[in-house]
Amino acid sequence: MVIEACALISTAVAVLAWAGIKPRRDVRTYVRLGPRPWKPEIELPAALERAQLGFARTLALEVAEDRKRPIDLDVALRFLPLIAAEQAGAYDVWALRWLGRWIAETPGAMIDQALEVCAGLAALPVERRRLRASRACAVSKPCPDPSGPRGSACA
């Protein structure tokens, strides 16, 4: 490909020379050959939306390094459903770390608010399991839950 491009350029220069036209040496052409400018803070929400946990973690590290501080609390919260779905064993560690940040970064946080937030974090993996079971019930007949379609897994 490069050899063909060089041959084409040298042919064009020869044709111009034959026609008596000298190429200008003072004009340069700038062509960007690389990808668009890299903005990890823009890519991070999109990676979370696409549920690309590994890529999102890499982007979050880059954003935190660029800003010299942790990622925003609301962005960190968006990691938790992905962790619950893909790395259930690591969910408690991630949720507790997020809860600690929420308590530290929320001005005037009260214990009853923290209790509500904690209950929501504790319910997240359970809700994900119920959702998966409901999807399984919708696809398979009969319902895999022995309690039937009105049971907790198929409700």
N, C-alpha and C. Protein backbone atom coordinates (compact mmCIF):
# COMPACT_ATOMS: atom_id res chain seq x y z
N MET A 1 0.83 -1.19 0.00
CA MET A 1 0.00 0.00 0.00
C MET A 1 0.88 1.26 0.00
N VAL A 2 1.89 1.29 0.88
CA VAL A 2 2.78 2.44 0.94
C VAL A 2 3.58 2.56 -0.34
N ILE A 3 4.03 1.44 -0.86
CA ILE A 3 4.81 1.45 -2.11
C ILE A 3 3.97 1.98 -3.26
N GLU A 4 2.68 1.57 -3.30
CA GLU A 4 1.79 2.06 -4.34
C GLU A 4 1.58 3.57 -4.22
N ALA A 5 1.43 4.07 -2.99
CA ALA A 5 1.25 5.50 -2.77
C ALA A 5 2.49 6.27 -3.20
N CYS A 6 3.67 5.76 -2.86
CA CYS A 6 4.92 6.42 -3.27
C CYS A 6 5.06 6.43 -4.79
N ALA A 7 4.70 5.33 -5.44
CA ALA A 7 4.77 5.27 -6.90
C ALA A 7 3.81 6.27 -7.53
N LEU A 8 2.62 6.40 -6.93
CA LEU A 8 1.63 7.35 -7.45
C LEU A 8 2.13 8.79 -7.30
N ILE A 9 2.72 9.10 -6.16
CA ILE A 9 3.25 10.44 -5.94
C ILE A 9 4.38 10.75 -6.90
N SER A 10 5.30 9.80 -7.06
CA SER A 10 6.42 10.06 -7.97
C SER A 10 5.93 10.20 -9.40
N THR A 11 4.90 9.46 -9.78
CA THR A 11 4.32 9.60 -11.12
C THR A 11 3.69 10.97 -11.29
N ALA A 12 2.98 11.44 -10.26
CA ALA A 12 2.36 12.76 -10.33
C ALA A 12 3.41 13.85 -10.45
N VAL A 13 4.51 13.73 -9.69
CA VAL A 13 5.58 14.71 -9.76
C VAL A 13 6.21 14.70 -11.15
N ALA A 14 6.39 13.51 -11.74
CA ALA A 14 6.97 13.41 -13.09
C ALA A 14 6.05 14.05 -14.13
N VAL A 15 4.73 13.83 -13.99
CA VAL A 15 3.79 14.43 -14.94
C VAL A 15 3.81 15.95 -14.83
N LEU A 16 3.85 16.46 -13.59
CA LEU A 16 3.91 17.90 -13.39
C LEU A 16 5.20 18.48 -13.97
N ALA A 17 6.29 17.78 -13.77
CA ALA A 17 7.57 18.25 -14.31
C ALA A 17 7.54 18.25 -15.83
N TRP A 18 6.97 17.24 -16.44
CA TRP A 18 6.86 17.14 -17.89
C TRP A 18 6.03 18.30 -18.44
N ALA A 19 4.99 18.70 -17.65
CA ALA A 19 4.13 19.79 -18.09
C ALA A 19 4.75 21.15 -17.80
N GLY A 20 5.90 21.17 -17.14
CA GLY A 20 6.57 22.41 -16.84
C GLY A 20 6.08 23.07 -15.56
N ILE A 21 5.36 22.34 -14.76
CA ILE A 21 4.84 22.88 -13.50
C ILE A 21 5.73 22.36 -12.37
N LYS A 22 6.28 23.30 -11.62
CA LYS A 22 7.13 22.91 -10.50
C LYS A 22 6.27 22.83 -9.24
N PRO A 23 6.40 21.76 -8.50
CA PRO A 23 5.63 21.66 -7.25
C PRO A 23 6.15 22.67 -6.23
N ARG A 24 5.23 23.25 -5.51
CA ARG A 24 5.60 24.23 -4.48
C ARG A 24 6.17 23.49 -3.27
N ARG A 25 7.27 23.97 -2.78
CA ARG A 25 7.92 23.35 -1.63
C ARG A 25 7.52 24.02 -0.31
N ASP A 26 6.88 25.18 -0.40
CA ASP A 26 6.55 25.91 0.81
C ASP A 26 5.16 25.57 1.37
N VAL A 27 4.43 24.70 0.70
CA VAL A 27 3.09 24.33 1.14
C VAL A 27 3.14 22.92 1.72
N ARG A 28 2.58 22.78 2.91
CA ARG A 28 2.52 21.46 3.52
C ARG A 28 1.06 21.12 3.79
N THR A 29 0.77 19.86 3.70
CA THR A 29 -0.57 19.38 3.96
C THR A 29 -0.56 18.61 5.26
N TYR A 30 -1.51 18.94 6.14
CA TYR A 30 -1.63 18.23 7.41
C TYR A 30 -2.85 17.32 7.33
N VAL A 31 -2.62 16.05 7.50
CA VAL A 31 -3.71 15.07 7.51
C VAL A 31 -3.57 14.25 8.78
N ARG A 32 -4.61 14.29 9.61
CA ARG A 32 -4.58 13.48 10.83
C ARG A 32 -4.88 12.04 10.47
N LEU A 33 -3.97 11.15 10.81
CA LEU A 33 -4.16 9.75 10.50
C LEU A 33 -4.59 8.95 11.73
N GLY A 34 -4.48 9.53 12.90
CA GLY A 34 -4.81 8.81 14.12
C GLY A 34 -6.29 8.90 14.45
N PRO A 35 -6.69 8.25 15.54
CA PRO A 35 -8.09 8.31 15.96
C PRO A 35 -8.44 9.69 16.51
N ARG A 36 -9.71 9.88 16.79
CA ARG A 36 -10.15 11.16 17.36
C ARG A 36 -9.50 11.38 18.72
N PRO A 37 -9.49 12.59 19.21
CA PRO A 37 -8.87 12.86 20.51
C PRO A 37 -9.50 12.01 21.61
N TRP A 38 -8.69 11.51 22.49
CA TRP A 38 -9.10 10.58 23.54
C TRP A 38 -9.65 11.35 24.73
N LYS A 39 -10.89 11.12 25.08
CA LYS A 39 -11.55 11.76 26.22
C LYS A 39 -12.17 10.68 27.08
N PRO A 40 -11.42 10.13 28.04
CA PRO A 40 -11.98 9.05 28.85
C PRO A 40 -13.19 9.46 29.67
N GLU A 41 -13.28 10.74 30.07
CA GLU A 41 -14.45 11.17 30.85
C GLU A 41 -15.73 11.15 30.03
N ILE A 42 -15.61 11.20 28.71
CA ILE A 42 -16.77 11.10 27.83
C ILE A 42 -17.08 9.64 27.52
N GLU A 43 -16.03 8.84 27.39
CA GLU A 43 -16.20 7.43 27.06
C GLU A 43 -16.73 6.60 28.24
N LEU A 44 -16.43 7.03 29.48
CA LEU A 44 -16.81 6.24 30.66
C LEU A 44 -18.31 6.01 30.78
N PRO A 45 -19.16 7.04 30.72
CA PRO A 45 -20.61 6.76 30.83
C PRO A 45 -21.12 5.84 29.72
N ALA A 46 -20.56 5.98 28.53
CA ALA A 46 -20.99 5.12 27.42
C ALA A 46 -20.60 3.66 27.68
N ALA A 47 -19.40 3.45 28.23
CA ALA A 47 -18.97 2.08 28.55
C ALA A 47 -19.85 1.48 29.63
N LEU A 48 -20.25 2.28 30.61
CA LEU A 48 -21.14 1.79 31.65
C LEU A 48 -22.52 1.48 31.07
N GLU A 49 -22.98 2.29 30.15
CA GLU A 49 -24.28 2.05 29.51
C GLU A 49 -24.26 0.75 28.71
N ARG A 50 -23.13 0.46 28.08
CA ARG A 50 -22.99 -0.77 27.29
C ARG A 50 -22.66 -1.98 28.16
N ALA A 51 -22.52 -1.77 29.48
CA ALA A 51 -22.20 -2.83 30.45
C ALA A 51 -20.84 -3.46 30.16
N GLN A 52 -19.87 -2.66 29.75
CA GLN A 52 -18.51 -3.13 29.51
C GLN A 52 -17.69 -2.84 30.76
N LEU A 53 -17.77 -3.73 31.73
CA LEU A 53 -17.18 -3.49 33.04
C LEU A 53 -15.67 -3.32 32.98
N GLY A 54 -14.98 -4.18 32.29
CA GLY A 54 -13.52 -4.08 32.21
C GLY A 54 -13.06 -2.78 31.59
N PHE A 55 -13.68 -2.40 30.49
CA PHE A 55 -13.32 -1.16 29.82
C PHE A 55 -13.66 0.03 30.70
N ALA A 56 -14.82 -0.02 31.37
CA ALA A 56 -15.24 1.07 32.25
C ALA A 56 -14.27 1.24 33.42
N ARG A 57 -13.77 0.13 33.96
CA ARG A 57 -12.80 0.23 35.06
C ARG A 57 -11.52 0.91 34.59
N THR A 58 -11.05 0.54 33.41
CA THR A 58 -9.84 1.16 32.85
C THR A 58 -10.07 2.66 32.64
N LEU A 59 -11.22 3.01 32.08
CA LEU A 59 -11.53 4.43 31.86
C LEU A 59 -11.63 5.19 33.17
N ALA A 60 -12.23 4.57 34.19
CA ALA A 60 -12.36 5.22 35.50
C ALA A 60 -10.99 5.51 36.10
N LEU A 61 -10.06 4.59 35.94
CA LEU A 61 -8.70 4.83 36.44
C LEU A 61 -8.06 6.01 35.71
N GLU A 62 -8.27 6.09 34.40
CA GLU A 62 -7.71 7.21 33.64
C GLU A 62 -8.34 8.54 34.03
N VAL A 63 -9.66 8.54 34.24
CA VAL A 63 -10.35 9.77 34.64
C VAL A 63 -9.84 10.22 36.00
N ALA A 64 -9.73 9.29 36.94
CA ALA A 64 -9.25 9.64 38.28
C ALA A 64 -7.82 10.17 38.23
N GLU A 65 -6.99 9.58 37.39
CA GLU A 65 -5.60 10.03 37.25
C GLU A 65 -5.54 11.43 36.63
N ASP A 66 -6.36 11.65 35.61
CA ASP A 66 -6.38 12.98 34.96
C ASP A 66 -6.85 14.06 35.91
N ARG A 67 -7.88 13.77 36.70
CA ARG A 67 -8.46 14.77 37.60
C ARG A 67 -7.73 14.86 38.95
N LYS A 68 -6.87 13.90 39.21
CA LYS A 68 -6.14 13.84 40.49
C LYS A 68 -7.09 13.68 41.68
N ARG A 69 -8.21 13.01 41.46
CA ARG A 69 -9.17 12.71 42.52
C ARG A 69 -10.04 11.55 42.04
N PRO A 70 -10.78 10.91 42.96
CA PRO A 70 -11.64 9.79 42.54
C PRO A 70 -12.73 10.24 41.58
N ILE A 71 -13.29 9.28 40.87
CA ILE A 71 -14.40 9.61 39.97
C ILE A 71 -15.59 10.07 40.81
N ASP A 72 -16.52 10.76 40.16
CA ASP A 72 -17.69 11.28 40.86
C ASP A 72 -18.49 10.15 41.48
N LEU A 73 -19.16 10.46 42.57
CA LEU A 73 -19.90 9.46 43.33
C LEU A 73 -21.04 8.86 42.51
N ASP A 74 -21.73 9.67 41.72
CA ASP A 74 -22.83 9.13 40.92
C ASP A 74 -22.33 8.21 39.82
N VAL A 75 -21.15 8.49 39.28
CA VAL A 75 -20.56 7.60 38.27
C VAL A 75 -20.12 6.30 38.94
N ALA A 76 -19.53 6.38 40.11
CA ALA A 76 -19.11 5.18 40.84
C ALA A 76 -20.32 4.30 41.17
N LEU A 77 -21.45 4.91 41.46
CA LEU A 77 -22.67 4.16 41.76
C LEU A 77 -23.12 3.32 40.57
N ARG A 78 -22.89 3.82 39.37
CA ARG A 78 -23.30 3.09 38.16
C ARG A 78 -22.49 1.81 37.95
N PHE A 79 -21.37 1.66 38.64
CA PHE A 79 -20.60 0.43 38.56
C PHE A 79 -21.27 -0.72 39.32
N LEU A 80 -22.01 -0.40 40.37
CA LEU A 80 -22.50 -1.42 41.28
C LEU A 80 -23.42 -2.46 40.63
N PRO A 81 -24.39 -2.07 39.79
CA PRO A 81 -25.19 -3.12 39.15
C PRO A 81 -24.36 -4.05 38.26
N LEU A 82 -23.34 -3.50 37.61
CA LEU A 82 -22.48 -4.34 36.77
C LEU A 82 -21.67 -5.31 37.62
N ILE A 83 -21.17 -4.82 38.75
CA ILE A 83 -20.41 -5.68 39.65
C ILE A 83 -21.32 -6.78 40.19
N ALA A 84 -22.55 -6.41 40.57
CA ALA A 84 -23.50 -7.40 41.09
C ALA A 84 -23.78 -8.49 40.06
N ALA A 85 -23.84 -8.11 38.80
CA ALA A 85 -24.16 -9.07 37.73
C ALA A 85 -22.96 -9.92 37.33
N GLU A 86 -21.77 -9.32 37.27
CA GLU A 86 -20.62 -10.02 36.71
C GLU A 86 -19.64 -10.55 37.75
N GLN A 87 -19.55 -9.92 38.90
CA GLN A 87 -18.59 -10.33 39.94
C GLN A 87 -19.29 -10.30 41.30
N ALA A 88 -20.27 -11.18 41.47
CA ALA A 88 -21.11 -11.14 42.67
C ALA A 88 -20.28 -11.25 43.96
N GLY A 89 -19.18 -11.97 43.94
CA GLY A 89 -18.35 -12.12 45.13
C GLY A 89 -17.67 -10.83 45.54
N ALA A 90 -17.47 -9.92 44.61
CA ALA A 90 -16.80 -8.65 44.91
C ALA A 90 -17.79 -7.53 45.21
N TYR A 91 -19.08 -7.81 45.09
CA TYR A 91 -20.08 -6.75 45.24
C TYR A 91 -20.03 -6.10 46.61
N ASP A 92 -19.96 -6.89 47.68
CA ASP A 92 -19.98 -6.31 49.03
C ASP A 92 -18.84 -5.32 49.24
N VAL A 93 -17.65 -5.66 48.76
CA VAL A 93 -16.50 -4.77 48.92
C VAL A 93 -16.75 -3.46 48.18
N TRP A 94 -17.23 -3.55 46.95
CA TRP A 94 -17.49 -2.36 46.15
C TRP A 94 -18.60 -1.51 46.79
N ALA A 95 -19.68 -2.18 47.24
CA ALA A 95 -20.80 -1.44 47.82
C ALA A 95 -20.39 -0.76 49.12
N LEU A 96 -19.62 -1.44 49.95
CA LEU A 96 -19.17 -0.82 51.20
C LEU A 96 -18.24 0.35 50.94
N ARG A 97 -17.37 0.22 49.95
CA ARG A 97 -16.48 1.33 49.60
C ARG A 97 -17.30 2.52 49.12
N TRP A 98 -18.32 2.25 48.29
CA TRP A 98 -19.15 3.35 47.81
C TRP A 98 -19.92 3.98 48.96
N LEU A 99 -20.46 3.16 49.87
CA LEU A 99 -21.20 3.69 51.02
C LEU A 99 -20.30 4.57 51.89
N GLY A 100 -19.06 4.15 52.11
CA GLY A 100 -18.11 4.96 52.88
C GLY A 100 -17.85 6.30 52.22
N ARG A 101 -17.71 6.30 50.90
CA ARG A 101 -17.53 7.56 50.18
C ARG A 101 -18.77 8.43 50.28
N TRP A 102 -19.95 7.81 50.17
CA TRP A 102 -21.19 8.57 50.25
C TRP A 102 -21.30 9.26 51.60
N ILE A 103 -21.00 8.54 52.67
CA ILE A 103 -21.07 9.11 54.01
C ILE A 103 -20.07 10.26 54.15
N ALA A 104 -18.86 10.06 53.64
CA ALA A 104 -17.82 11.08 53.78
C ALA A 104 -18.09 12.31 52.90
N GLU A 105 -18.69 12.13 51.74
CA GLU A 105 -18.84 13.22 50.78
C GLU A 105 -20.20 13.90 50.82
N THR A 106 -21.16 13.36 51.56
CA THR A 106 -22.49 13.95 51.61
C THR A 106 -22.57 14.86 52.83
N PRO A 107 -22.66 16.16 52.60
CA PRO A 107 -22.74 17.06 53.75
C PRO A 107 -24.06 16.85 54.50
N GLY A 108 -23.96 16.75 55.81
CA GLY A 108 -25.15 16.59 56.64
C GLY A 108 -25.80 15.24 56.56
N ALA A 109 -25.04 14.21 56.15
CA ALA A 109 -25.61 12.86 56.06
C ALA A 109 -26.03 12.40 57.45
N MET A 110 -27.24 11.88 57.54
CA MET A 110 -27.78 11.41 58.81
C MET A 110 -27.80 9.88 58.81
N ILE A 111 -27.86 9.30 59.99
CA ILE A 111 -27.82 7.85 60.12
C ILE A 111 -29.03 7.20 59.47
N ASP A 112 -30.21 7.84 59.54
CA ASP A 112 -31.38 7.24 58.90
C ASP A 112 -31.26 7.26 57.37
N GLN A 113 -30.62 8.29 56.82
CA GLN A 113 -30.36 8.32 55.38
C GLN A 113 -29.37 7.22 54.99
N ALA A 114 -28.33 7.07 55.80
CA ALA A 114 -27.33 6.03 55.54
C ALA A 114 -27.97 4.65 55.60
N LEU A 115 -28.91 4.46 56.51
CA LEU A 115 -29.61 3.19 56.63
C LEU A 115 -30.43 2.90 55.38
N GLU A 116 -31.11 3.90 54.84
CA GLU A 116 -31.88 3.73 53.61
C GLU A 116 -30.97 3.41 52.42
N VAL A 117 -29.86 4.13 52.33
CA VAL A 117 -28.91 3.87 51.25
C VAL A 117 -28.35 2.46 51.37
N CYS A 118 -28.01 2.07 52.60
CA CYS A 118 -27.47 0.74 52.85
C CYS A 118 -28.49 -0.34 52.47
N ALA A 119 -29.75 -0.13 52.80
CA ALA A 119 -30.79 -1.10 52.44
C ALA A 119 -30.92 -1.22 50.92
N GLY A 120 -30.84 -0.09 50.23
CA GLY A 120 -30.89 -0.13 48.77
C GLY A 120 -29.71 -0.87 48.17
N LEU A 121 -28.53 -0.66 48.72
CA LEU A 121 -27.35 -1.37 48.23
C LEU A 121 -27.47 -2.87 48.49
N ALA A 122 -28.01 -3.23 49.66
CA ALA A 122 -28.16 -4.65 50.00
C ALA A 122 -29.19 -5.33 49.10
N ALA A 123 -30.21 -4.59 48.66
CA ALA A 123 -31.26 -5.17 47.83
C ALA A 123 -30.86 -5.32 46.36
N LEU A 124 -29.85 -4.60 45.93
CA LEU A 124 -29.48 -4.61 44.51
C LEU A 124 -29.15 -6.00 43.97
N PRO A 125 -28.27 -6.78 44.60
CA PRO A 125 -28.00 -8.11 44.04
C PRO A 125 -29.22 -9.02 44.06
N VAL A 126 -30.07 -8.89 45.07
CA VAL A 126 -31.28 -9.71 45.15
C VAL A 126 -32.22 -9.37 43.99
N GLU A 127 -32.37 -8.08 43.72
CA GLU A 127 -33.23 -7.66 42.61
C GLU A 127 -32.69 -8.15 41.28
N ARG A 128 -31.37 -8.14 41.12
CA ARG A 128 -30.78 -8.64 39.86
C ARG A 128 -31.09 -10.11 39.68
N ARG A 129 -31.00 -10.90 40.78
CA ARG A 129 -31.32 -12.34 40.68
C ARG A 129 -32.79 -12.54 40.34
N ARG A 130 -33.68 -11.75 40.95
CA ARG A 130 -35.11 -11.86 40.65
C ARG A 130 -35.38 -11.52 39.19
N LEU A 131 -34.71 -10.51 38.68
CA LEU A 131 -34.90 -10.12 37.29
C LEU A 131 -34.46 -11.24 36.35
N ARG A 132 -33.30 -11.85 36.64
CA ARG A 132 -32.84 -12.96 35.81
C ARG A 132 -33.82 -14.13 35.87
N ALA A 133 -34.35 -14.43 37.07
CA ALA A 133 -35.31 -15.53 37.20
C ALA A 133 -36.60 -15.21 36.45
N SER A 134 -37.04 -13.96 36.49
CA SER A 134 -38.25 -13.56 35.77
C SER A 134 -38.04 -13.72 34.27
N ARG A 135 -36.87 -13.37 33.79
CA ARG A 135 -36.57 -13.54 32.36
C ARG A 135 -36.56 -15.01 32.00
N ALA A 136 -36.01 -15.84 32.89
CA ALA A 136 -36.00 -17.28 32.64
C ALA A 136 -37.43 -17.82 32.59
N CYS A 137 -38.32 -17.31 33.44
CA CYS A 137 -39.71 -17.75 33.45
C CYS A 137 -40.41 -17.34 32.16
N ALA A 138 -40.08 -16.17 31.66
CA ALA A 138 -40.72 -15.69 30.43
C ALA A 138 -40.30 -16.51 29.23
N VAL A 139 -39.09 -17.07 29.27
CA VAL A 139 -38.56 -17.81 28.13
C VAL A 139 -38.94 -19.28 28.21
N SER A 140 -38.87 -19.86 29.42
CA SER A 140 -39.08 -21.31 29.54
C SER A 140 -40.48 -21.60 30.07
N LYS A 141 -41.05 -22.70 29.62
CA LYS A 141 -42.33 -23.19 30.11
C LYS A 141 -42.10 -24.63 30.54
N PRO A 142 -42.49 -25.04 31.69
CA PRO A 142 -43.09 -24.30 32.79
C PRO A 142 -42.03 -23.53 33.56
N CYS A 143 -42.50 -22.73 34.50
CA CYS A 143 -41.62 -21.88 35.30
C CYS A 143 -40.67 -22.75 36.12
N PRO A 144 -39.35 -22.46 36.11
CA PRO A 144 -38.39 -23.28 36.85
C PRO A 144 -38.53 -23.17 38.36
N ASP A 145 -39.25 -22.17 38.86
CA ASP A 145 -39.42 -22.01 40.30
C ASP A 145 -40.56 -22.92 40.77
N PRO A 146 -40.33 -23.81 41.77
CA PRO A 146 -41.38 -24.71 42.21
C PRO A 146 -42.60 -24.01 42.78
N SER A 147 -42.47 -22.78 43.22
CA SER A 147 -43.60 -22.08 43.79
C SER A 147 -44.55 -21.54 42.71
N GLY A 148 -44.18 -21.71 41.44
CA GLY A 148 -45.08 -21.31 40.36
C GLY A 148 -44.88 -19.88 39.95
N PRO A 149 -45.71 -19.42 39.01
CA PRO A 149 -45.55 -18.08 38.47
C PRO A 149 -45.80 -16.98 39.48
N ARG A 150 -46.48 -17.24 40.56
CA ARG A 150 -46.72 -16.21 41.56
C ARG A 150 -45.64 -16.20 42.63
N GLY A 151 -44.64 -17.08 42.53
CA GLY A 151 -43.58 -17.13 43.52
C GLY A 151 -42.62 -15.97 43.38
N SER A 152 -41.68 -15.87 44.29
CA SER A 152 -40.78 -14.72 44.30
C SER A 152 -39.89 -14.64 43.07
N ALA A 153 -39.52 -15.80 42.50
CA ALA A 153 -38.63 -15.76 41.36
C ALA A 153 -39.35 -15.39 40.08
N CYS A 154 -40.63 -15.67 40.00
CA CYS A 154 -41.36 -15.42 38.77
C CYS A 154 -42.38 -14.30 38.88
N ALA A 155 -42.30 -13.53 39.93
CA ALA A 155 -43.27 -12.46 40.10
C ALA A 155 -42.93 -11.29 39.20
